[in-house]
Amino acid sequence: MVEQDTSHSSSMRQSISEKDHVSHVEDGVSKANDTNIYNADVDVSGVDERKLMRKIDWRTIPWLSFLYLLCFLDRTSIGNAKLYNMEEDLHITDTQYLLALTIFFISYSIFEVPSNVFLKRLRPSVWLSILMLCWGVMMTVQGLVHNFGGLMGMRWMLGTFEAGLYPGVNYYLSCWYKRSEFGIRAAIFFSAATVSGAFGGLLAAAIANMEGVGGKPAWAWIFILEGLATVIAGAVSFWIIVDFPDDATFLTEVERTVVIRRLQSDAQFSAAGEKLQWKYIRKSLVDWKTYLGIVVYAGSDMPLYAFALFLPSIIKEGYQATAANLLTVPVYVLACICTCLVGYLADRYGNRGLFNFGLLCISAAGYIILISSRNATLSYVAVYLAACGIYPCIPNTIAWVSNNVEGSYKRSVSLAMVISWGNIQGAISSNVYRANQTPWYPLGHGLVLMYIAFGLVSTAIYRYLLTAENARRDRGERDEVIQGNDGGLEVNGVYATVEDAKREKGDEWSGYRYTL
């Protein structure tokens, strides 16, 4: 990871006094003058920082990961249900089934950005819990539909309420952890998607034994039982999910102070709080990193949904429905291990862009084999490669984008835009595996490979542009004019103090260094 340089040029280093700027970092907490430090009158010397972070980890990561497990299980279980005669019972064609997959991603993408703004304005414990309750109800009702129209309506509503969880939690976690700590937490959180894939196959195989109970087919019970579990989890979440650091009630005032000072020392200048202003949202909308991040994310997100929705169908050649579902389990287990491992390594060694590039190459190798293979065993081996490349790439990309955006509202909007426009690719992935191409699906595999190629090219461009921008800042080309000090260029802005420049410019401040 590229270290933040708060003294960005020799002239600025000479002219900015300790009274106006952070002079050093000790034990992870910035030491600054009383006008800049958060809760300057609070003594934090008695706080064990590592113990505090473990406390935060246990209160945030496990439950949020469990919620995402339910979320991903609910959206993809339709692929498991399909194997138990859902299309025949609802009298729908293959095209109608694909439309039911597609409509989920349309509402899912539309509502991600506004949901993140609501999350910032409201408390996470309230907003995320309401979303869970609502999509749990939609999931349950999905098991009660009798025709294509009912299925389409429930899939639209499911996407509407699920939209806020993934971008919301990623933004929420970025408000708790330093940039060098965020990746592994995002990876652990996202690994719930791989666990849900493994668990979904096992659960679907078990629930299939309820065929005919209460007059309902096996596929209906898959939706009903998973939906009821989500409703219960959503109700409990009101008391389990904690809020943002500045008002988290499970921490003492001293502990909250340590958390926020740690973030400020990591160039997260808005950690102490930021009022909603249109200019912060506008900055995200005009930032080139937002739009290039969308392409990078789409390069792995479209393959992710194609993989998750159709893995049972891809494996099904030569196997019965239950056997195909069970064979997905070890694939997801390995993907889970790889996701967590990459999250840890990228946090420790940085270079998230290089990790992305390597992961996309691995997934490309898997799909090249899938396109050329006409052997069920070889194809099954190839899906392991695909999973180990695709799944770790998702949280690594989100961490990379988050690491390069400063400003509380700007980051919330940027993450939501990247994830929402990336997720709209799920509408495409829902339609690329056609029944008339079974069992080898050359068109589907080819289009997934094309998206992976987009991801490779955009990753290389994104990293190159970040490197070039860091170099410009090292040369002093982005220096602002600080009143009363020498140096700087007026075109970069004129500010009373360095702190004003940080607050107003966020990641555009000349002392900010982007993560490569």
Protein backbone atom coordinates (compact mmCIF):
# COMPACT_ATOMS: atom_id res chain seq x y z
CA MET A 1 0.00 0.00 0.00
CA VAL A 2 1.24 3.46 -0.84
CA GLU A 3 1.81 5.39 2.37
CA GLN A 4 0.05 8.76 2.73
CA ASP A 5 2.51 11.66 2.60
CA THR A 6 1.24 14.59 4.65
CA SER A 7 4.33 16.66 3.76
CA HIS A 8 3.97 16.74 0.00
CA SER A 9 6.74 19.06 -1.13
CA SER A 10 9.89 20.55 0.28
CA SER A 11 8.46 24.08 0.28
CA MET A 12 5.37 22.98 2.14
CA ARG A 13 7.43 20.96 4.59
CA GLN A 14 9.43 24.06 5.46
CA SER A 15 6.51 26.48 5.67
CA ILE A 16 3.86 24.53 7.57
CA SER A 17 4.41 24.60 11.32
CA GLU A 18 3.51 21.94 13.84
CA LYS A 19 0.76 24.25 15.06
CA ASP A 20 -1.10 23.93 11.75
CA HIS A 21 -0.34 20.38 10.71
CA VAL A 22 0.01 16.83 12.01
CA SER A 23 3.59 16.45 13.14
CA HIS A 24 3.88 12.74 13.68
CA VAL A 25 1.97 9.54 14.32
CA GLU A 26 2.53 7.58 17.50
CA ASP A 27 0.85 4.25 18.34
CA GLY A 28 -1.54 4.69 15.43
CA VAL A 29 -3.03 7.99 16.71
CA SER A 30 -2.20 11.35 15.15
CA LYS A 31 -0.78 14.01 17.42
CA ALA A 32 -1.84 17.49 16.36
CA ASN A 33 -2.72 20.83 17.81
CA ASP A 34 -5.91 21.17 19.82
CA THR A 35 -7.80 22.85 17.02
CA ASN A 36 -7.47 19.80 14.73
CA ILE A 37 -7.38 16.75 16.96
CA TYR A 38 -10.67 14.98 17.68
CA ASN A 39 -11.76 15.32 21.34
CA ALA A 40 -8.51 17.08 22.23
CA ASP A 41 -9.35 17.05 25.93
CA VAL A 42 -9.75 13.25 26.09
CA ASP A 43 -6.81 11.20 27.38
CA VAL A 44 -6.51 7.96 25.39
CA SER A 45 -3.23 6.71 26.88
CA GLY A 46 -4.95 3.90 28.79
CA VAL A 47 -6.56 2.29 25.72
CA ASP A 48 -5.07 -0.92 24.30
CA GLU A 49 -5.55 -0.29 20.58
CA ARG A 50 -5.20 -3.91 19.43
CA LYS A 51 -7.68 -5.09 22.05
CA LEU A 52 -10.07 -2.35 21.00
CA MET A 53 -9.91 -3.37 17.32
CA ARG A 54 -10.57 -7.00 18.24
CA LYS A 55 -13.62 -5.82 20.17
CA ILE A 56 -14.85 -3.92 17.12
CA ASP A 57 -14.17 -6.88 14.82
CA TRP A 58 -16.32 -9.19 16.93
CA ARG A 59 -19.18 -6.69 17.09
CA THR A 60 -19.25 -5.94 13.36
CA ILE A 61 -17.83 -8.64 11.08
CA PRO A 62 -19.50 -11.94 12.16
CA TRP A 63 -23.09 -10.73 12.16
CA LEU A 64 -22.75 -8.67 8.99
CA SER A 65 -21.18 -11.66 7.25
CA PHE A 66 -24.10 -13.82 8.36
CA LEU A 67 -26.54 -11.26 6.95
CA TYR A 68 -24.73 -11.26 3.60
CA LEU A 69 -24.81 -15.05 3.60
CA LEU A 70 -28.60 -14.85 3.84
CA CYS A 71 -28.69 -12.07 1.23
CA PHE A 72 -26.67 -13.96 -1.36
CA LEU A 73 -28.49 -17.19 -0.54
CA ASP A 74 -31.85 -15.53 -1.14
CA ARG A 75 -30.89 -14.01 -4.50
CA THR A 76 -29.20 -17.11 -5.96
CA SER A 77 -31.31 -19.93 -4.54
CA ILE A 78 -33.52 -19.67 -7.62
CA GLY A 79 -30.72 -21.52 -9.45
CA ASN A 80 -31.07 -24.40 -6.97
CA ALA A 81 -34.88 -24.26 -7.08
CA LYS A 82 -34.84 -24.51 -10.87
CA LEU A 83 -33.50 -28.06 -10.59
CA TYR A 84 -36.65 -29.12 -8.72
CA ASN A 85 -39.23 -28.51 -11.48
CA MET A 86 -39.93 -24.84 -10.74
CA GLU A 87 -40.27 -23.96 -14.44
CA GLU A 88 -42.72 -26.79 -15.07
CA ASP A 89 -44.88 -25.99 -12.04
CA LEU A 90 -45.10 -22.28 -12.89
CA HIS A 91 -45.55 -23.05 -16.62
CA ILE A 92 -42.75 -20.71 -17.66
CA THR A 93 -40.34 -20.98 -20.56
CA ASP A 94 -36.56 -20.73 -20.41
CA THR A 95 -36.79 -17.14 -21.68
CA GLN A 96 -39.25 -16.24 -18.92
CA TYR A 97 -36.97 -17.81 -16.32
CA LEU A 98 -34.09 -15.68 -17.57
CA LEU A 99 -36.30 -12.57 -17.40
CA ALA A 100 -37.05 -13.38 -13.77
CA LEU A 101 -33.31 -13.42 -13.10
CA THR A 102 -32.81 -10.20 -15.04
CA ILE A 103 -35.47 -8.06 -13.35
CA PHE A 104 -33.83 -8.60 -9.95
CA PHE A 105 -30.65 -6.85 -11.08
CA ILE A 106 -32.50 -3.87 -12.55
CA SER A 107 -34.16 -2.87 -9.27
CA TYR A 108 -31.04 -3.94 -7.38
CA SER A 109 -28.89 -1.48 -9.32
CA ILE A 110 -31.38 1.41 -9.28
CA PHE A 111 -31.72 1.57 -5.51
CA GLU A 112 -28.10 1.10 -4.36
CA VAL A 113 -27.03 4.75 -4.54
CA PRO A 114 -30.08 6.24 -2.74
CA SER A 115 -29.84 3.47 -0.14
CA ASN A 116 -26.28 4.46 0.74
CA VAL A 117 -27.32 8.08 1.19
CA PHE A 118 -30.13 6.95 3.52
CA LEU A 119 -27.66 4.77 5.43
CA LYS A 120 -25.49 7.80 6.11
CA ARG A 121 -28.44 9.93 7.12
CA LEU A 122 -30.03 7.23 9.32
CA ARG A 123 -28.48 4.74 11.71
CA PRO A 124 -27.16 1.48 10.18
CA SER A 125 -28.89 -0.53 12.92
CA VAL A 126 -32.25 0.83 11.75
CA TRP A 127 -31.83 1.06 7.98
CA LEU A 128 -30.12 -2.30 7.38
CA SER A 129 -32.57 -4.10 9.68
CA ILE A 130 -35.59 -2.65 7.85
CA LEU A 131 -34.15 -3.73 4.51
CA MET A 132 -33.66 -7.28 5.79
CA LEU A 133 -37.18 -7.57 7.15
CA CYS A 134 -38.63 -6.42 3.86
CA TRP A 135 -36.62 -8.67 1.56
CA GLY A 136 -37.23 -11.63 3.89
CA VAL A 137 -40.95 -11.13 3.39
CA MET A 138 -40.48 -10.90 -0.39
CA MET A 139 -38.41 -14.09 -0.38
CA THR A 140 -41.08 -15.95 1.56
CA VAL A 141 -43.86 -14.80 -0.75
CA GLN A 142 -41.75 -15.90 -3.73
CA GLY A 143 -42.47 -19.45 -2.61
CA LEU A 144 -46.20 -18.81 -2.83
CA VAL A 145 -46.41 -17.54 -6.41
CA HIS A 146 -48.34 -19.52 -9.04
CA ASN A 147 -47.35 -17.89 -12.33
CA PHE A 148 -44.77 -15.89 -14.23
CA GLY A 149 -46.24 -12.50 -13.26
CA GLY A 150 -46.04 -13.31 -9.55
CA LEU A 151 -42.44 -14.49 -9.85
CA MET A 152 -41.44 -11.31 -11.72
CA GLY A 153 -43.05 -9.08 -9.11
CA MET A 154 -41.31 -10.80 -6.21
CA ARG A 155 -37.93 -10.77 -7.94
CA TRP A 156 -38.27 -7.00 -8.54
CA MET A 157 -39.12 -6.36 -4.89
CA LEU A 158 -36.37 -8.69 -3.69
CA GLY A 159 -33.82 -6.68 -5.68
CA THR A 160 -35.21 -3.39 -4.36
CA PHE A 161 -34.70 -4.29 -0.71
CA GLU A 162 -31.48 -6.29 -1.09
CA ALA A 163 -29.87 -3.36 -2.93
CA GLY A 164 -28.75 -1.58 0.22
CA LEU A 165 -26.87 -4.32 2.05
CA TYR A 166 -23.67 -4.94 0.10
CA PRO A 167 -22.72 -1.33 -0.80
CA GLY A 168 -23.99 -0.17 2.59
CA VAL A 169 -21.90 -2.58 4.61
CA ASN A 170 -18.76 -1.94 2.56
CA TYR A 171 -19.16 1.80 3.10
CA TYR A 172 -19.97 1.20 6.78
CA LEU A 173 -16.81 -0.88 7.30
CA SER A 174 -14.69 1.76 5.57
CA CYS A 175 -15.86 4.17 8.29
CA TRP A 176 -14.40 1.91 11.01
CA TYR A 177 -11.04 0.75 9.64
CA LYS A 178 -7.86 2.16 8.17
CA ARG A 179 -7.31 1.61 4.48
CA SER A 180 -4.65 -1.02 5.19
CA GLU A 181 -7.14 -2.86 7.43
CA PHE A 182 -10.22 -2.68 5.26
CA GLY A 183 -9.39 -5.32 2.64
CA ILE A 184 -9.34 -8.36 4.92
CA ARG A 185 -12.59 -7.27 6.60
CA ALA A 186 -14.25 -6.75 3.23
CA ALA A 187 -12.96 -10.16 2.13
CA ILE A 188 -14.28 -11.93 5.23
CA PHE A 189 -17.63 -10.19 4.78
CA PHE A 190 -17.80 -11.11 1.10
CA SER A 191 -16.64 -14.67 1.77
CA ALA A 192 -20.16 -15.20 3.11
CA ALA A 193 -21.18 -15.27 -0.56
CA THR A 194 -18.98 -18.33 -1.11
CA VAL A 195 -20.29 -19.93 2.07
CA SER A 196 -23.84 -19.28 0.90
CA GLY A 197 -23.00 -21.02 -2.37
CA ALA A 198 -21.80 -24.10 -0.51
CA PHE A 199 -24.56 -23.91 2.07
CA GLY A 200 -27.18 -23.25 -0.58
CA GLY A 201 -26.46 -26.51 -2.36
CA LEU A 202 -26.60 -28.50 0.87
CA LEU A 203 -29.73 -26.70 2.06
CA ALA A 204 -31.53 -27.14 -1.24
CA ALA A 205 -30.74 -30.86 -1.22
CA ALA A 206 -32.11 -31.17 2.34
CA ILE A 207 -35.24 -29.08 1.74
CA ALA A 208 -36.01 -31.10 -1.38
CA ASN A 209 -37.11 -33.87 0.97
CA MET A 210 -40.12 -31.70 1.88
CA GLU A 211 -41.62 -32.25 -1.57
CA GLY A 212 -45.41 -32.33 -1.18
CA VAL A 213 -45.50 -31.18 2.46
CA GLY A 214 -48.49 -28.85 2.88
CA GLY A 215 -49.21 -29.30 -0.79
CA LYS A 216 -46.12 -27.33 -1.74
CA PRO A 217 -43.36 -28.51 -4.11
CA ALA A 218 -39.71 -28.68 -3.04
CA TRP A 219 -38.72 -25.46 -4.86
CA ALA A 220 -41.42 -23.48 -3.01
CA TRP A 221 -40.16 -24.69 0.37
CA ILE A 222 -36.64 -23.52 -0.55
CA PHE A 223 -37.94 -19.96 -0.91
CA ILE A 224 -40.29 -20.08 2.08
CA LEU A 225 -37.85 -21.43 4.66
CA GLU A 226 -34.94 -19.25 3.56
CA GLY A 227 -37.23 -16.20 3.58
CA LEU A 228 -38.49 -16.89 7.11
CA ALA A 229 -34.89 -17.23 8.34
CA THR A 230 -34.13 -13.79 6.86
CA VAL A 231 -37.17 -12.21 8.55
CA ILE A 232 -36.00 -13.49 11.94
CA ALA A 233 -32.44 -12.27 11.33
CA GLY A 234 -33.72 -8.84 10.29
CA ALA A 235 -35.77 -8.48 13.47
CA VAL A 236 -32.81 -9.43 15.67
CA SER A 237 -30.49 -7.06 13.78
CA PHE A 238 -32.07 -3.98 15.38
CA TRP A 239 -30.21 -4.91 18.56
CA ILE A 240 -27.04 -6.41 17.09
CA ILE A 241 -25.89 -4.03 14.33
CA VAL A 242 -23.84 -1.16 15.73
CA ASP A 243 -23.76 2.37 14.34
CA PHE A 244 -20.93 4.62 13.08
CA PRO A 245 -17.87 5.21 15.32
CA ASP A 246 -18.85 8.70 16.49
CA ASP A 247 -22.10 7.44 18.07
CA ALA A 248 -21.54 3.69 18.65
CA THR A 249 -23.00 2.97 22.09
CA PHE A 250 -20.97 -0.21 22.69
CA LEU A 251 -17.81 1.91 22.93
CA THR A 252 -16.84 4.37 25.65
CA GLU A 253 -16.11 8.00 24.78
CA VAL A 254 -12.39 7.30 25.08
CA GLU A 255 -12.63 4.29 22.75
CA ARG A 256 -14.63 6.27 20.18
CA THR A 257 -11.96 8.94 20.31
CA VAL A 258 -9.20 6.41 19.59
CA VAL A 259 -11.10 4.97 16.62
CA ILE A 260 -11.68 8.36 15.01
CA ARG A 261 -8.12 9.58 15.62
CA ARG A 262 -6.80 6.40 13.99
CA LEU A 263 -8.86 7.14 10.89
CA GLN A 264 -7.73 10.75 10.81
CA SER A 265 -4.11 9.61 10.97
CA ASP A 266 -4.89 7.51 7.87
CA ALA A 267 -5.91 10.64 5.90
CA GLN A 268 -9.61 10.00 6.47
CA PHE A 269 -10.25 13.64 7.29
CA SER A 270 -14.04 13.28 7.43
CA ALA A 271 -13.96 10.58 10.12
CA ALA A 272 -15.09 12.96 12.87
CA GLY A 273 -18.29 13.70 10.97
CA GLU A 274 -19.45 15.46 7.82
CA LYS A 275 -22.68 17.28 7.01
CA LEU A 276 -24.56 16.32 3.87
CA GLN A 277 -23.84 18.79 1.09
CA TRP A 278 -24.55 18.42 -2.61
CA LYS A 279 -20.94 19.28 -3.47
CA TYR A 280 -19.72 16.04 -1.86
CA ILE A 281 -22.07 13.98 -4.00
CA ARG A 282 -21.19 16.03 -7.08
CA LYS A 283 -17.49 15.30 -6.50
CA SER A 284 -18.23 11.61 -6.77
CA LEU A 285 -20.29 12.08 -9.92
CA VAL A 286 -17.48 13.92 -11.74
CA ASP A 287 -14.56 11.83 -10.47
CA TRP A 288 -12.89 9.75 -13.19
CA LYS A 289 -12.00 7.10 -10.60
CA THR A 290 -15.70 6.37 -10.08
CA TYR A 291 -16.32 5.50 -13.71
CA LEU A 292 -13.13 3.56 -14.28
CA GLY A 293 -13.84 1.71 -11.03
CA ILE A 294 -17.22 0.72 -12.48
CA VAL A 295 -15.52 -0.97 -15.44
CA VAL A 296 -12.96 -2.71 -13.19
CA TYR A 297 -15.73 -4.01 -10.94
CA ALA A 298 -17.95 -5.10 -13.84
CA GLY A 299 -15.05 -7.21 -15.11
CA SER A 300 -15.46 -9.55 -12.16
CA ASP A 301 -19.06 -8.90 -11.09
CA MET A 302 -20.73 -10.11 -14.29
CA PRO A 303 -18.68 -13.35 -14.13
CA LEU A 304 -19.59 -13.67 -10.44
CA TYR A 305 -23.34 -13.69 -11.06
CA ALA A 306 -23.07 -15.89 -14.11
CA PHE A 307 -21.07 -18.34 -12.00
CA ALA A 308 -23.34 -18.22 -8.95
CA LEU A 309 -26.63 -18.47 -10.86
CA PHE A 310 -25.62 -21.21 -13.28
CA LEU A 311 -22.98 -23.31 -11.51
CA PRO A 312 -25.48 -26.11 -10.73
CA SER A 313 -26.57 -26.13 -14.38
CA ILE A 314 -22.94 -26.14 -15.60
CA ILE A 315 -22.11 -29.10 -13.35
CA LYS A 316 -25.38 -30.95 -14.01
CA GLU A 317 -24.10 -32.75 -17.12
CA GLY A 318 -23.89 -36.40 -16.14
CA TYR A 319 -25.38 -35.88 -12.65
CA GLN A 320 -28.79 -35.84 -11.00
CA ALA A 321 -30.12 -32.55 -9.57
CA THR A 322 -29.18 -33.28 -5.95
CA ALA A 323 -25.73 -34.56 -6.91
CA ALA A 324 -25.10 -31.42 -8.98
CA ASN A 325 -26.08 -29.21 -6.03
CA LEU A 326 -23.78 -31.14 -3.69
CA LEU A 327 -20.86 -30.92 -6.12
CA THR A 328 -21.00 -27.11 -5.86
CA VAL A 329 -20.04 -27.27 -2.17
CA PRO A 330 -16.26 -27.94 -2.43
CA VAL A 331 -15.98 -25.31 -5.19
CA TYR A 332 -17.33 -22.64 -2.86
CA VAL A 333 -15.25 -23.84 0.07
CA LEU A 334 -12.04 -23.32 -1.90
CA ALA A 335 -13.30 -19.94 -3.16
CA CYS A 336 -13.93 -18.88 0.46
CA ILE A 337 -10.38 -19.78 1.49
CA CYS A 338 -8.89 -17.92 -1.47
CA THR A 339 -11.03 -14.84 -0.83
CA CYS A 340 -9.86 -14.49 2.78
CA LEU A 341 -6.23 -15.25 1.88
CA VAL A 342 -6.11 -12.61 -0.85
CA GLY A 343 -7.77 -10.06 1.45
CA TYR A 344 -5.07 -10.62 4.06
CA LEU A 345 -2.18 -10.52 1.59
CA ALA A 346 -3.42 -7.39 -0.20
CA ASP A 347 -3.76 -5.56 3.13
CA ARG A 348 -0.29 -6.60 4.16
CA TYR A 349 1.61 -6.06 0.94
CA GLY A 350 -0.53 -3.52 -0.92
CA ASN A 351 -0.60 -3.49 -4.73
CA ARG A 352 -4.30 -4.30 -4.96
CA GLY A 353 -4.15 -3.65 -8.70
CA LEU A 354 -1.56 -6.39 -9.23
CA PHE A 355 -3.63 -8.81 -7.16
CA ASN A 356 -6.64 -7.99 -9.33
CA PHE A 357 -4.65 -8.63 -12.48
CA GLY A 358 -3.41 -12.01 -11.25
CA LEU A 359 -6.86 -13.11 -10.08
CA LEU A 360 -8.48 -12.20 -13.39
CA CYS A 361 -5.80 -14.20 -15.24
CA ILE A 362 -6.65 -17.26 -13.11
CA SER A 363 -10.37 -16.91 -13.81
CA ALA A 364 -9.64 -16.42 -17.52
CA ALA A 365 -7.72 -19.71 -17.55
CA GLY A 366 -10.74 -21.45 -16.03
CA TYR A 367 -13.13 -20.13 -18.66
CA ILE A 368 -10.77 -20.89 -21.53
CA ILE A 369 -10.84 -24.52 -20.36
CA LEU A 370 -14.65 -24.42 -20.03
CA ILE A 371 -15.00 -23.13 -23.60
CA SER A 372 -12.71 -25.76 -25.08
CA SER A 373 -13.64 -28.72 -22.86
CA ARG A 374 -16.14 -31.39 -23.82
CA ASN A 375 -15.35 -33.55 -20.80
CA ALA A 376 -17.46 -33.26 -17.63
CA THR A 377 -14.53 -33.96 -15.29
CA LEU A 378 -12.25 -31.40 -16.93
CA SER A 379 -15.03 -28.80 -16.85
CA TYR A 380 -15.56 -29.48 -13.16
CA VAL A 381 -11.85 -28.84 -12.52
CA ALA A 382 -12.09 -25.60 -14.52
CA VAL A 383 -14.85 -24.19 -12.30
CA TYR A 384 -12.42 -24.35 -9.36
CA LEU A 385 -10.02 -22.07 -11.24
CA ALA A 386 -12.85 -19.73 -12.17
CA ALA A 387 -14.11 -19.52 -8.58
CA CYS A 388 -10.63 -18.90 -7.12
CA GLY A 389 -10.14 -16.00 -9.51
CA ILE A 390 -13.57 -14.37 -9.51
CA TYR A 391 -14.57 -14.39 -5.85
CA PRO A 392 -11.42 -12.80 -4.31
CA CYS A 393 -11.43 -10.13 -7.03
CA ILE A 394 -14.76 -8.68 -5.85
CA PRO A 395 -13.78 -7.51 -2.32
CA ASN A 396 -10.28 -6.60 -3.50
CA THR A 397 -11.77 -4.24 -6.10
CA ILE A 398 -14.15 -2.70 -3.55
CA ALA A 399 -11.27 -2.15 -1.11
CA TRP A 400 -9.19 -0.62 -3.91
CA VAL A 401 -11.94 1.83 -4.87
CA SER A 402 -12.67 2.70 -1.22
CA ASN A 403 -8.97 3.26 -0.48
CA ASN A 404 -8.82 5.94 -3.16
CA VAL A 405 -11.83 8.05 -2.15
CA GLU A 406 -11.81 10.45 0.80
CA GLY A 407 -14.87 12.23 2.10
CA SER A 408 -17.63 10.43 3.94
CA TYR A 409 -20.49 11.19 1.55
CA LYS A 410 -18.28 11.05 -1.54
CA ARG A 411 -17.10 7.56 -0.59
CA SER A 412 -20.65 6.37 0.12
CA VAL A 413 -21.84 7.54 -3.31
CA SER A 414 -18.74 6.32 -5.18
CA LEU A 415 -18.97 2.83 -3.68
CA ALA A 416 -22.69 2.65 -4.37
CA MET A 417 -22.22 3.77 -7.99
CA VAL A 418 -19.42 1.29 -8.62
CA ILE A 419 -21.38 -1.57 -7.09
CA SER A 420 -24.74 -0.65 -8.65
CA TRP A 421 -23.46 -0.16 -12.19
CA GLY A 422 -21.33 -3.25 -11.77
CA ASN A 423 -24.32 -5.22 -10.57
CA ILE A 424 -26.45 -4.20 -13.55
CA GLN A 425 -24.17 -6.60 -15.41
CA GLY A 426 -26.04 -9.30 -13.51
CA ALA A 427 -28.94 -8.58 -15.85
CA ILE A 428 -26.64 -9.58 -18.71
CA SER A 429 -25.20 -12.63 -16.96
CA SER A 430 -28.76 -13.81 -16.31
CA ASN A 431 -29.32 -14.23 -20.03
CA VAL A 432 -26.09 -15.69 -21.39
CA TYR A 433 -26.61 -19.35 -20.43
CA ARG A 434 -29.39 -20.49 -22.74
CA ALA A 435 -31.13 -23.86 -22.53
CA ASN A 436 -30.49 -24.50 -26.22
CA GLN A 437 -26.73 -24.50 -25.58
CA THR A 438 -26.70 -27.11 -22.85
CA PRO A 439 -24.55 -28.81 -21.66
CA TRP A 440 -21.38 -26.91 -22.70
CA TYR A 441 -22.71 -23.32 -22.98
CA PRO A 442 -20.08 -21.89 -25.38
CA LEU A 443 -21.86 -18.51 -25.70
CA GLY A 444 -22.17 -18.03 -21.93
CA HIS A 445 -18.56 -18.95 -21.22
CA GLY A 446 -17.34 -16.77 -24.10
CA LEU A 447 -19.18 -13.67 -22.87
CA VAL A 448 -17.90 -14.19 -19.34
CA LEU A 449 -14.37 -14.42 -20.73
CA MET A 450 -14.94 -11.16 -22.62
CA TYR A 451 -15.88 -9.39 -19.37
CA ILE A 452 -12.79 -10.78 -17.68
CA ALA A 453 -10.74 -9.25 -20.51
CA PHE A 454 -12.46 -5.89 -19.85
CA GLY A 455 -11.46 -6.25 -16.21
CA LEU A 456 -7.83 -6.93 -17.09
CA VAL A 457 -7.53 -3.91 -19.41
CA SER A 458 -9.35 -1.49 -17.06
CA THR A 459 -7.30 -2.67 -14.07
CA ALA A 460 -4.08 -1.89 -15.92
CA ILE A 461 -5.38 1.57 -16.94
CA TYR A 462 -6.65 2.38 -13.44
CA ARG A 463 -3.32 1.49 -11.84
CA TYR A 464 -1.34 3.43 -14.45
CA LEU A 465 -3.41 6.59 -13.95
CA LEU A 466 -3.14 6.39 -10.14
CA THR A 467 0.63 5.99 -10.43
CA ALA A 468 0.84 9.00 -12.73
CA GLU A 469 -1.26 11.15 -10.38
CA ASN A 470 0.88 10.21 -7.36
CA ALA A 471 3.97 11.20 -9.36
CA ARG A 472 2.46 14.62 -10.15
CA ARG A 473 1.84 15.20 -6.46
CA ASP A 474 5.40 14.14 -5.61
CA ARG A 475 6.64 16.77 -8.07
CA GLY A 476 4.48 19.45 -6.42
CA GLU A 477 2.21 19.98 -9.43
CA ARG A 478 -0.93 19.68 -7.26
CA ASP A 479 0.25 21.93 -4.39
CA GLU A 480 -2.34 24.39 -3.11
CA VAL A 481 -1.63 27.94 -1.98
CA ILE A 482 -1.80 28.14 1.81
CA GLN A 483 -2.23 31.73 2.96
CA GLY A 484 0.80 33.05 4.80
CA ASN A 485 3.10 30.39 3.31
CA ASP A 486 5.28 30.27 0.24
CA GLY A 487 4.77 27.89 -2.65
CA GLY A 488 1.75 26.32 -4.30
CA LEU A 489 -0.24 27.07 -7.45
CA GLU A 490 -3.40 29.16 -7.38
CA VAL A 491 -5.02 26.92 -9.98
CA ASN A 492 -5.06 24.18 -7.31
CA GLY A 493 -6.94 26.41 -4.86
CA VAL A 494 -6.21 28.96 -2.14
CA TYR A 495 -6.89 27.96 1.48
CA ALA A 496 -6.41 29.54 4.89
CA THR A 497 -4.86 26.39 6.41
CA VAL A 498 -3.80 22.91 5.41
CA GLU A 499 -6.73 21.54 7.40
CA ASP A 500 -9.12 23.58 5.25
CA ALA A 501 -7.51 22.14 2.13
CA LYS A 502 -7.87 18.59 3.45
CA ARG A 503 -11.49 19.08 4.39
CA GLU A 504 -12.53 20.78 1.16
CA LYS A 505 -10.55 18.69 -1.33
CA GLY A 506 -10.59 15.20 0.22
CA ASP A 507 -8.57 12.82 -1.94
CA GLU A 508 -7.81 15.70 -4.32
CA TRP A 509 -5.61 17.28 -1.64
CA SER A 510 -1.97 17.39 -2.74
CA GLY A 511 -0.76 15.44 0.29
CA TYR A 512 -3.04 12.49 -0.40
CA ARG A 513 -1.44 9.45 -2.06
CA TYR A 514 -3.51 6.90 -3.95
CA THR A 515 -3.33 3.17 -3.25
CA LEU A 516 -1.96 1.19 -6.18
